Amino acid sequence: MSNQSWVFCPICNNKTRTKIRNDTELINFPLFCPKCKQETIINMKRGNIIIREPDAKTQSR
């Protein structure tokens, strides 16, 4: 279990509910952050997050 780590939100840098191992690769993964309530599509390889596309939020009036 020592080779697992939490995935951090690329927007607010808080922990998400997702845990990954060191040898995991994510491609077009929809990462949801419960704190900032935003979803971001990421790629992850060897622990490095690459933001593919931030999800657009609608503006309220």
C-alpha atoms as a PDB file:
ATOM      1  CA  MET A   1       0.000   0.000   0.000  1.00  0.00           C
ATOM      2  CA  SER A   2       2.971   2.339   0.240  1.00  0.00           C
ATOM      3  CA  ASN A   3       3.056   2.814  -3.535  1.00  0.00           C
ATOM      4  CA  GLN A   4      -0.410   4.457  -3.614  1.00  0.00           C
ATOM      5  CA  SER A   5      -1.072   8.177  -3.449  1.00  0.00           C
ATOM      6  CA  TRP A   6      -3.999  10.567  -3.657  1.00  0.00           C
ATOM      7  CA  VAL A   7      -4.704  12.516  -6.824  1.00  0.00           C
ATOM      8  CA  PHE A   8      -4.741  16.251  -6.172  1.00  0.00           C
ATOM      9  CA  CYS A   9      -7.039  18.692  -7.965  1.00  0.00           C
ATOM     10  CA  PRO A  10      -5.087  20.756 -10.537  1.00  0.00           C
ATOM     11  CA  ILE A  11      -7.325  23.774  -9.866  1.00  0.00           C
ATOM     12  CA  CYS A  12      -7.440  24.078  -6.058  1.00  0.00           C
ATOM     13  CA  ASN A  13      -4.666  21.579  -5.086  1.00  0.00           C
ATOM     14  CA  ASN A  14      -6.854  19.653  -2.624  1.00  0.00           C
ATOM     15  CA  LYS A  15      -7.161  15.883  -2.343  1.00  0.00           C
ATOM     16  CA  THR A  16      -9.805  14.229  -4.479  1.00  0.00           C
ATOM     17  CA  ARG A  17     -11.509  10.908  -3.748  1.00  0.00           C
ATOM     18  CA  THR A  18      -9.255   9.123  -6.242  1.00  0.00           C
ATOM     19  CA  LYS A  19      -6.220   7.086  -5.247  1.00  0.00           C
ATOM     20  CA  ILE A  20      -3.726   5.747  -7.775  1.00  0.00           C
ATOM     21  CA  ARG A  21      -0.650   3.549  -7.788  1.00  0.00           C
ATOM     22  CA  ASN A  22       2.750   4.672  -9.070  1.00  0.00           C
ATOM     23  CA  ASP A  23       2.496   2.486 -12.176  1.00  0.00           C
ATOM     24  CA  THR A  24      -0.973   3.779 -13.193  1.00  0.00           C
ATOM     25  CA  GLU A  25      -1.490   5.722 -16.405  1.00  0.00           C
ATOM     26  CA  LEU A  26      -4.684   7.726 -16.932  1.00  0.00           C
ATOM     27  CA  ILE A  27      -5.802   8.919 -20.365  1.00  0.00           C
ATOM     28  CA  ASN A  28      -8.755  11.316 -20.712  1.00  0.00           C
ATOM     29  CA  PHE A  29      -9.786  10.706 -17.100  1.00  0.00           C
ATOM     30  CA  PRO A  30     -12.630  12.914 -15.765  1.00  0.00           C
ATOM     31  CA  LEU A  31     -11.327  14.033 -12.363  1.00  0.00           C
ATOM     32  CA  PHE A  32     -13.976  15.540 -10.065  1.00  0.00           C
ATOM     33  CA  CYS A  33     -12.988  17.669  -7.078  1.00  0.00           C
ATOM     34  CA  PRO A  34     -15.498  17.617  -4.197  1.00  0.00           C
ATOM     35  CA  LYS A  35     -14.142  20.883  -2.758  1.00  0.00           C
ATOM     36  CA  CYS A  36     -14.264  23.205  -5.791  1.00  0.00           C
ATOM     37  CA  LYS A  37     -16.996  21.106  -7.510  1.00  0.00           C
ATOM     38  CA  GLN A  38     -15.269  21.189 -10.893  1.00  0.00           C
ATOM     39  CA  GLU A  39     -14.526  18.379 -13.281  1.00  0.00           C
ATOM     40  CA  THR A  40     -11.287  18.391 -15.265  1.00  0.00           C
ATOM     41  CA  ILE A  41     -10.156  15.955 -17.935  1.00  0.00           C
ATOM     42  CA  ILE A  42      -6.585  14.900 -17.179  1.00  0.00           C
ATOM     43  CA  ASN A  43      -3.855  12.618 -18.399  1.00  0.00           C
ATOM     44  CA  MET A  44      -1.496  11.189 -15.799  1.00  0.00           C
ATOM     45  CA  LYS A  45       1.735   9.321 -16.340  1.00  0.00           C
ATOM     46  CA  ARG A  46       4.236   8.461 -13.577  1.00  0.00           C
ATOM     47  CA  GLY A  47       2.518  10.838 -11.152  1.00  0.00           C
ATOM     48  CA  ASN A  48       2.591  13.896 -13.451  1.00  0.00           C
ATOM     49  CA  ILE A  49      -0.774  15.468 -14.232  1.00  0.00           C
ATOM     50  CA  ILE A  50      -1.344  16.999 -17.658  1.00  0.00           C
ATOM     51  CA  ILE A  51      -4.585  18.977 -17.934  1.00  0.00           C
ATOM     52  CA  ARG A  52      -6.346  18.076 -21.163  1.00  0.00           C
ATOM     53  CA  GLU A  53      -9.422  20.238 -20.957  1.00  0.00           C
ATOM     54  CA  PRO A  54     -10.977  22.096 -18.046  1.00  0.00           C
ATOM     55  CA  ASP A  55     -14.713  21.651 -17.967  1.00  0.00           C
ATOM     56  CA  ALA A  56     -16.595  24.897 -18.654  1.00  0.00           C
ATOM     57  CA  LYS A  57     -18.828  26.188 -15.898  1.00  0.00           C
ATOM     58  CA  THR A  58     -22.017  28.026 -16.723  1.00  0.00           C
ATOM     59  CA  GLN A  59     -22.334  31.545 -15.442  1.00  0.00           C
ATOM     60  CA  SER A  60     -25.309  32.355 -13.286  1.00  0.00           C
ATOM     61  CA  ARG A  61     -26.883  35.756 -13.118  1.00  0.00           C
END
